[in-house]
Amino acid sequence: NYYIINDPYNNIQKEPSKYKVLPSK
């Protein structure tokens, strides 16, 4: 099956789900 999201920048919910983890200086 398939679906299409046109103009995704304006038609999706955007939530960060990955973070790069580094020790602080």
PDB file of all heavy atoms in Angstrom:
ATOM      1  N   ASN A   1       0.878  -1.171   0.000  1.00  0.00           N
ATOM      2  CA  ASN A   1       0.000   0.000   0.000  1.00  0.00           C
ATOM      3  C   ASN A   1       0.911   1.216   0.000  1.00  0.00           C
ATOM      4  O   ASN A   1       2.105   1.114   0.273  1.00  0.00           O
ATOM      5  CB  ASN A   1      -0.889   0.008   1.243  1.00  0.00           C
ATOM      6  CG  ASN A   1      -1.849  -1.153   1.252  1.00  0.00           C
ATOM      7  OD1 ASN A   1      -2.632  -1.330   0.345  1.00  0.00           O
ATOM      8  ND2 ASN A   1      -1.759  -1.979   2.282  1.00  0.00           N
ATOM      9  N   TYR A   2       0.352   2.371  -0.282  1.00  0.00           N
ATOM     10  CA  TYR A   2       1.182   3.572  -0.283  1.00  0.00           C
ATOM     11  C   TYR A   2       0.358   4.793   0.083  1.00  0.00           C
ATOM     12  O   TYR A   2      -0.870   4.776   0.031  1.00  0.00           O
ATOM     13  CB  TYR A   2       1.858   3.785  -1.641  1.00  0.00           C
ATOM     14  CG  TYR A   2       0.916   4.227  -2.731  1.00  0.00           C
ATOM     15  CD1 TYR A   2       0.760   5.575  -3.035  1.00  0.00           C
ATOM     16  CD2 TYR A   2       0.185   3.304  -3.456  1.00  0.00           C
ATOM     17  CE1 TYR A   2      -0.101   5.997  -4.031  1.00  0.00           C
ATOM     18  CE2 TYR A   2      -0.677   3.705  -4.457  1.00  0.00           C
ATOM     19  CZ  TYR A   2      -0.822   5.052  -4.739  1.00  0.00           C
ATOM     20  OH  TYR A   2      -1.685   5.461  -5.723  1.00  0.00           O
ATOM     21  N   TYR A   3       1.056   5.833   0.472  1.00  0.00           N
ATOM     22  CA  TYR A   3       0.442   7.142   0.639  1.00  0.00           C
ATOM     23  C   TYR A   3       1.452   8.194   0.224  1.00  0.00           C
ATOM     24  O   TYR A   3       2.654   7.945   0.180  1.00  0.00           O
ATOM     25  CB  TYR A   3      -0.088   7.378   2.058  1.00  0.00           C
ATOM     26  CG  TYR A   3       0.947   7.336   3.154  1.00  0.00           C
ATOM     27  CD1 TYR A   3       1.613   8.494   3.551  1.00  0.00           C
ATOM     28  CD2 TYR A   3       1.239   6.154   3.819  1.00  0.00           C
ATOM     29  CE1 TYR A   3       2.551   8.470   4.567  1.00  0.00           C
ATOM     30  CE2 TYR A   3       2.170   6.118   4.838  1.00  0.00           C
ATOM     31  CZ  TYR A   3       2.823   7.274   5.210  1.00  0.00           C
ATOM     32  OH  TYR A   3       3.749   7.257   6.210  1.00  0.00           O
ATOM     33  N   ILE A   4       0.949   9.363  -0.113  1.00  0.00           N
ATOM     34  CA  ILE A   4       1.784  10.467  -0.577  1.00  0.00           C
ATOM     35  C   ILE A   4       1.506  11.671   0.315  1.00  0.00           C
ATOM     36  O   ILE A   4       0.352  11.992   0.589  1.00  0.00           O
ATOM     37  CB  ILE A   4       1.463  10.834  -2.040  1.00  0.00           C
ATOM     38  CG1 ILE A   4       1.669   9.622  -2.952  1.00  0.00           C
ATOM     39  CG2 ILE A   4       2.315  12.014  -2.498  1.00  0.00           C
ATOM     40  CD1 ILE A   4       1.111   9.813  -4.356  1.00  0.00           C
ATOM     41  N   ILE A   5       2.577  12.334   0.757  1.00  0.00           N
ATOM     42  CA  ILE A   5       2.440  13.584   1.502  1.00  0.00           C
ATOM     43  C   ILE A   5       3.009  14.688   0.622  1.00  0.00           C
ATOM     44  O   ILE A   5       4.207  14.735   0.369  1.00  0.00           O
ATOM     45  CB  ILE A   5       3.190  13.546   2.844  1.00  0.00           C
ATOM     46  CG1 ILE A   5       2.695  12.383   3.702  1.00  0.00           C
ATOM     47  CG2 ILE A   5       3.030  14.874   3.578  1.00  0.00           C
ATOM     48  CD1 ILE A   5       3.512  12.163   4.953  1.00  0.00           C
ATOM     49  N   ASN A   6       2.137  15.526   0.114  1.00  0.00           N
ATOM     50  CA  ASN A   6       2.565  16.659  -0.700  1.00  0.00           C
ATOM     51  C   ASN A   6       2.958  17.822   0.195  1.00  0.00           C
ATOM     52  O   ASN A   6       2.364  18.025   1.247  1.00  0.00           O
ATOM     53  CB  ASN A   6       1.445  17.082  -1.647  1.00  0.00           C
ATOM     54  CG  ASN A   6       1.118  15.997  -2.648  1.00  0.00           C
ATOM     55  OD1 ASN A   6       2.000  15.479  -3.311  1.00  0.00           O
ATOM     56  ND2 ASN A   6      -0.142  15.633  -2.751  1.00  0.00           N
ATOM     57  N   ASP A   7       3.965  18.584  -0.228  1.00  0.00           N
ATOM     58  CA  ASP A   7       4.451  19.740   0.538  1.00  0.00           C
ATOM     59  C   ASP A   7       4.636  19.367   2.010  1.00  0.00           C
ATOM     60  O   ASP A   7       4.041  19.947   2.905  1.00  0.00           O
ATOM     61  CB  ASP A   7       3.475  20.916   0.390  1.00  0.00           C
ATOM     62  CG  ASP A   7       4.003  22.222   0.958  1.00  0.00           C
ATOM     63  OD1 ASP A   7       5.197  22.307   1.307  1.00  0.00           O
ATOM     64  OD2 ASP A   7       3.201  23.168   1.073  1.00  0.00           O
ATOM     65  N   PRO A   8       5.485  18.368   2.275  1.00  0.00           N
ATOM     66  CA  PRO A   8       5.592  17.849   3.635  1.00  0.00           C
ATOM     67  C   PRO A   8       6.024  18.866   4.684  1.00  0.00           C
ATOM     68  O   PRO A   8       5.619  18.753   5.842  1.00  0.00           O
ATOM     69  CB  PRO A   8       6.612  16.711   3.520  1.00  0.00           C
ATOM     70  CG  PRO A   8       7.361  16.984   2.272  1.00  0.00           C
ATOM     71  CD  PRO A   8       6.411  17.704   1.366  1.00  0.00           C
ATOM     72  N   TYR A   9       6.813  19.855   4.308  1.00  0.00           N
ATOM     73  CA  TYR A   9       7.256  20.824   5.313  1.00  0.00           C
ATOM     74  C   TYR A   9       6.062  21.491   5.989  1.00  0.00           C
ATOM     75  O   TYR A   9       6.081  21.746   7.189  1.00  0.00           O
ATOM     76  CB  TYR A   9       8.175  21.881   4.693  1.00  0.00           C
ATOM     77  CG  TYR A   9       8.822  22.753   5.741  1.00  0.00           C
ATOM     78  CD1 TYR A   9       9.943  22.305   6.437  1.00  0.00           C
ATOM     79  CD2 TYR A   9       8.304  23.991   6.068  1.00  0.00           C
ATOM     80  CE1 TYR A   9      10.531  23.078   7.423  1.00  0.00           C
ATOM     81  CE2 TYR A   9       8.886  24.769   7.052  1.00  0.00           C
ATOM     82  CZ  TYR A   9       9.999  24.311   7.728  1.00  0.00           C
ATOM     83  OH  TYR A   9      10.565  25.081   8.714  1.00  0.00           O
ATOM     84  N   ASN A  10       5.018  21.734   5.233  1.00  0.00           N
ATOM     85  CA  ASN A  10       3.829  22.398   5.775  1.00  0.00           C
ATOM     86  C   ASN A  10       2.715  21.428   6.145  1.00  0.00           C
ATOM     87  O   ASN A  10       1.674  21.855   6.648  1.00  0.00           O
ATOM     88  CB  ASN A  10       3.303  23.428   4.776  1.00  0.00           C
ATOM     89  CG  ASN A  10       4.270  24.573   4.604  1.00  0.00           C
ATOM     90  OD1 ASN A  10       4.678  25.190   5.572  1.00  0.00           O
ATOM     91  ND2 ASN A  10       4.663  24.833   3.376  1.00  0.00           N
ATOM     92  N   ASN A  11       2.904  20.123   5.891  1.00  0.00           N
ATOM     93  CA  ASN A  11       1.817  19.173   6.113  1.00  0.00           C
ATOM     94  C   ASN A  11       2.183  17.997   7.008  1.00  0.00           C
ATOM     95  O   ASN A  11       1.511  16.979   6.980  1.00  0.00           O
ATOM     96  CB  ASN A  11       1.310  18.647   4.762  1.00  0.00           C
ATOM     97  CG  ASN A  11       0.602  19.715   3.981  1.00  0.00           C
ATOM     98  OD1 ASN A  11      -0.280  20.392   4.482  1.00  0.00           O
ATOM     99  ND2 ASN A  11       1.004  19.897   2.746  1.00  0.00           N
ATOM    100  N   ILE A  12       3.245  18.128   7.790  1.00  0.00           N
ATOM    101  CA  ILE A  12       3.590  17.089   8.757  1.00  0.00           C
ATOM    102  C   ILE A  12       3.892  17.728  10.107  1.00  0.00           C
ATOM    103  O   ILE A  12       4.200  18.907  10.188  1.00  0.00           O
ATOM    104  CB  ILE A  12       4.810  16.242   8.313  1.00  0.00           C
ATOM    105  CG1 ILE A  12       6.069  17.101   8.190  1.00  0.00           C
ATOM    106  CG2 ILE A  12       4.526  15.490   7.035  1.00  0.00           C
ATOM    107  CD1 ILE A  12       7.350  16.328   7.953  1.00  0.00           C
ATOM    108  N   GLN A  13       3.778  16.911  11.144  1.00  0.00           N
ATOM    109  CA  GLN A  13       4.216  17.356  12.466  1.00  0.00           C
ATOM    110  C   GLN A  13       5.693  17.029  12.568  1.00  0.00           C
ATOM    111  O   GLN A  13       6.106  15.918  12.253  1.00  0.00           O
ATOM    112  CB  GLN A  13       3.450  16.615  13.553  1.00  0.00           C
ATOM    113  CG  GLN A  13       1.988  16.931  13.568  1.00  0.00           C
ATOM    114  CD  GLN A  13       1.278  16.148  14.652  1.00  0.00           C
ATOM    115  OE1 GLN A  13       1.874  15.733  15.639  1.00  0.00           O
ATOM    116  NE2 GLN A  13      -0.007  15.943  14.467  1.00  0.00           N
ATOM    117  N   LYS A  14       6.481  17.975  12.983  1.00  0.00           N
ATOM    118  CA  LYS A  14       7.929  17.788  13.055  1.00  0.00           C
ATOM    119  C   LYS A  14       8.368  17.780  14.512  1.00  0.00           C
ATOM    120  O   LYS A  14       8.201  18.754  15.212  1.00  0.00           O
ATOM    121  CB  LYS A  14       8.643  18.897  12.280  1.00  0.00           C
ATOM    122  CG  LYS A  14       8.288  18.923  10.805  1.00  0.00           C
ATOM    123  CD  LYS A  14       8.819  20.155  10.095  1.00  0.00           C
ATOM    124  CE  LYS A  14       7.972  21.364  10.142  1.00  0.00           C
ATOM    125  NZ  LYS A  14       6.660  21.356   9.571  1.00  0.00           N
ATOM    126  N   GLU A  15       8.900  16.636  14.944  1.00  0.00           N
ATOM    127  CA  GLU A  15       9.419  16.514  16.311  1.00  0.00           C
ATOM    128  C   GLU A  15      10.790  15.857  16.240  1.00  0.00           C
ATOM    129  O   GLU A  15      10.926  14.778  15.672  1.00  0.00           O
ATOM    130  CB  GLU A  15       8.497  15.638  17.160  1.00  0.00           C
ATOM    131  CG  GLU A  15       7.135  16.234  17.392  1.00  0.00           C
ATOM    132  CD  GLU A  15       6.255  15.327  18.241  1.00  0.00           C
ATOM    133  OE1 GLU A  15       6.795  14.431  18.915  1.00  0.00           O
ATOM    134  OE2 GLU A  15       5.042  15.515  18.205  1.00  0.00           O
ATOM    135  N   PRO A  16      11.818  16.469  16.814  1.00  0.00           N
ATOM    136  CA  PRO A  16      13.140  15.828  16.821  1.00  0.00           C
ATOM    137  C   PRO A  16      13.091  14.499  17.576  1.00  0.00           C
ATOM    138  O   PRO A  16      12.471  14.411  18.626  1.00  0.00           O
ATOM    139  CB  PRO A  16      14.038  16.817  17.551  1.00  0.00           C
ATOM    140  CG  PRO A  16      13.260  18.071  17.692  1.00  0.00           C
ATOM    141  CD  PRO A  16      11.820  17.745  17.501  1.00  0.00           C
ATOM    142  N   SER A  17      13.733  13.491  17.030  1.00  0.00           N
ATOM    143  CA  SER A  17      13.734  12.203  17.714  1.00  0.00           C
ATOM    144  C   SER A  17      15.141  11.641  17.906  1.00  0.00           C
ATOM    145  O   SER A  17      15.313  10.613  18.529  1.00  0.00           O
ATOM    146  CB  SER A  17      12.880  11.196  16.956  1.00  0.00           C
ATOM    147  OG  SER A  17      13.402  10.991  15.666  1.00  0.00           O
ATOM    148  N   LYS A  18      16.152  12.296  17.362  1.00  0.00           N
ATOM    149  CA  LYS A  18      17.534  11.856  17.539  1.00  0.00           C
ATOM    150  C   LYS A  18      18.377  13.028  17.988  1.00  0.00           C
ATOM    151  O   LYS A  18      18.187  14.153  17.537  1.00  0.00           O
ATOM    152  CB  LYS A  18      18.106  11.324  16.231  1.00  0.00           C
ATOM    153  CG  LYS A  18      17.541  10.011  15.806  1.00  0.00           C
ATOM    154  CD  LYS A  18      18.286   9.506  14.598  1.00  0.00           C
ATOM    155  CE  LYS A  18      17.819   8.124  14.229  1.00  0.00           C
ATOM    156  NZ  LYS A  18      18.598   7.575  13.109  1.00  0.00           N
ATOM    157  N   TYR A  19      19.288  12.733  18.864  1.00  0.00           N
ATOM    158  CA  TYR A  19      20.193  13.760  19.352  1.00  0.00           C
ATOM    159  C   TYR A  19      21.600  13.191  19.362  1.00  0.00           C
ATOM    160  O   TYR A  19      21.812  12.035  19.713  1.00  0.00           O
ATOM    161  CB  TYR A  19      19.802  14.213  20.755  1.00  0.00           C
ATOM    162  CG  TYR A  19      18.473  14.890  20.788  1.00  0.00           C
ATOM    163  CD1 TYR A  19      17.315  14.172  20.992  1.00  0.00           C
ATOM    164  CD2 TYR A  19      18.369  16.264  20.587  1.00  0.00           C
ATOM    165  CE1 TYR A  19      16.078  14.796  21.003  1.00  0.00           C
ATOM    166  CE2 TYR A  19      17.152  16.888  20.600  1.00  0.00           C
ATOM    167  CZ  TYR A  19      16.006  16.156  20.808  1.00  0.00           C
ATOM    168  OH  TYR A  19      14.801  16.778  20.804  1.00  0.00           O
ATOM    169  N   LYS A  20      22.542  13.976  18.998  1.00  0.00           N
ATOM    170  CA  LYS A  20      23.939  13.600  19.106  1.00  0.00           C
ATOM    171  C   LYS A  20      24.387  13.950  20.519  1.00  0.00           C
ATOM    172  O   LYS A  20      24.186  15.065  20.974  1.00  0.00           O
ATOM    173  CB  LYS A  20      24.753  14.372  18.074  1.00  0.00           C
ATOM    174  CG  LYS A  20      26.183  13.937  17.970  1.00  0.00           C
ATOM    175  CD  LYS A  20      26.849  14.662  16.814  1.00  0.00           C
ATOM    176  CE  LYS A  20      28.229  14.160  16.574  1.00  0.00           C
ATOM    177  NZ  LYS A  20      28.846  14.814  15.402  1.00  0.00           N
ATOM    178  N   VAL A  21      24.958  12.990  21.204  1.00  0.00           N
ATOM    179  CA  VAL A  21      25.356  13.200  22.599  1.00  0.00           C
ATOM    180  C   VAL A  21      26.879  13.243  22.678  1.00  0.00           C
ATOM    181  O   VAL A  21      27.555  12.300  22.293  1.00  0.00           O
ATOM    182  CB  VAL A  21      24.808  12.075  23.504  1.00  0.00           C
ATOM    183  CG1 VAL A  21      25.280  12.272  24.928  1.00  0.00           C
ATOM    184  CG2 VAL A  21      23.300  12.026  23.417  1.00  0.00           C
ATOM    185  N   LEU A  22      27.392  14.350  23.172  1.00  0.00           N
ATOM    186  CA  LEU A  22      28.822  14.556  23.338  1.00  0.00           C
ATOM    187  C   LEU A  22      29.084  15.071  24.744  1.00  0.00           C
ATOM    188  O   LEU A  22      28.260  15.799  25.299  1.00  0.00           O
ATOM    189  CB  LEU A  22      29.346  15.581  22.326  1.00  0.00           C
ATOM    190  CG  LEU A  22      29.146  15.249  20.857  1.00  0.00           C
ATOM    191  CD1 LEU A  22      29.468  16.472  19.999  1.00  0.00           C
ATOM    192  CD2 LEU A  22      30.015  14.092  20.458  1.00  0.00           C
ATOM    193  N   PRO A  23      30.237  14.747  25.309  1.00  0.00           N
ATOM    194  CA  PRO A  23      30.540  15.309  26.620  1.00  0.00           C
ATOM    195  C   PRO A  23      30.737  16.812  26.491  1.00  0.00           C
ATOM    196  O   PRO A  23      31.218  17.307  25.474  1.00  0.00           O
ATOM    197  CB  PRO A  23      31.840  14.618  27.021  1.00  0.00           C
ATOM    198  CG  PRO A  23      32.390  14.030  25.789  1.00  0.00           C
ATOM    199  CD  PRO A  23      31.278  13.876  24.812  1.00  0.00           C
ATOM    200  N   SER A  24      30.329  17.524  27.498  1.00  0.00           N
ATOM    201  CA  SER A  24      30.539  18.975  27.482  1.00  0.00           C
ATOM    202  C   SER A  24      32.014  19.266  27.640  1.00  0.00           C
ATOM    203  O   SER A  24      32.779  18.450  28.146  1.00  0.00           O
ATOM    204  CB  SER A  24      29.723  19.651  28.576  1.00  0.00           C
ATOM    205  OG  SER A  24      30.207  19.258  29.834  1.00  0.00           O
ATOM    206  N   LYS A  25      32.425  20.447  27.219  1.00  0.00           N
ATOM    207  CA  LYS A  25      33.830  20.829  27.346  1.00  0.00           C
ATOM    208  C   LYS A  25      34.238  20.922  28.809  1.00  0.00           C
ATOM    209  O   LYS A  25      35.360  20.646  29.172  1.00  0.00           O
ATOM    210  CB  LYS A  25      34.079  22.150  26.618  1.00  0.00           C
ATOM    211  CG  LYS A  25      33.932  21.988  25.116  1.00  0.00           C
ATOM    212  CD  LYS A  25      34.183  23.269  24.396  1.00  0.00           C
ATOM    213  CE  LYS A  25      33.989  23.046  22.904  1.00  0.00           C
ATOM    214  NZ  LYS A  25      34.265  24.202  22.112  1.00  0.00           N
TER     215      LYS A  25
END
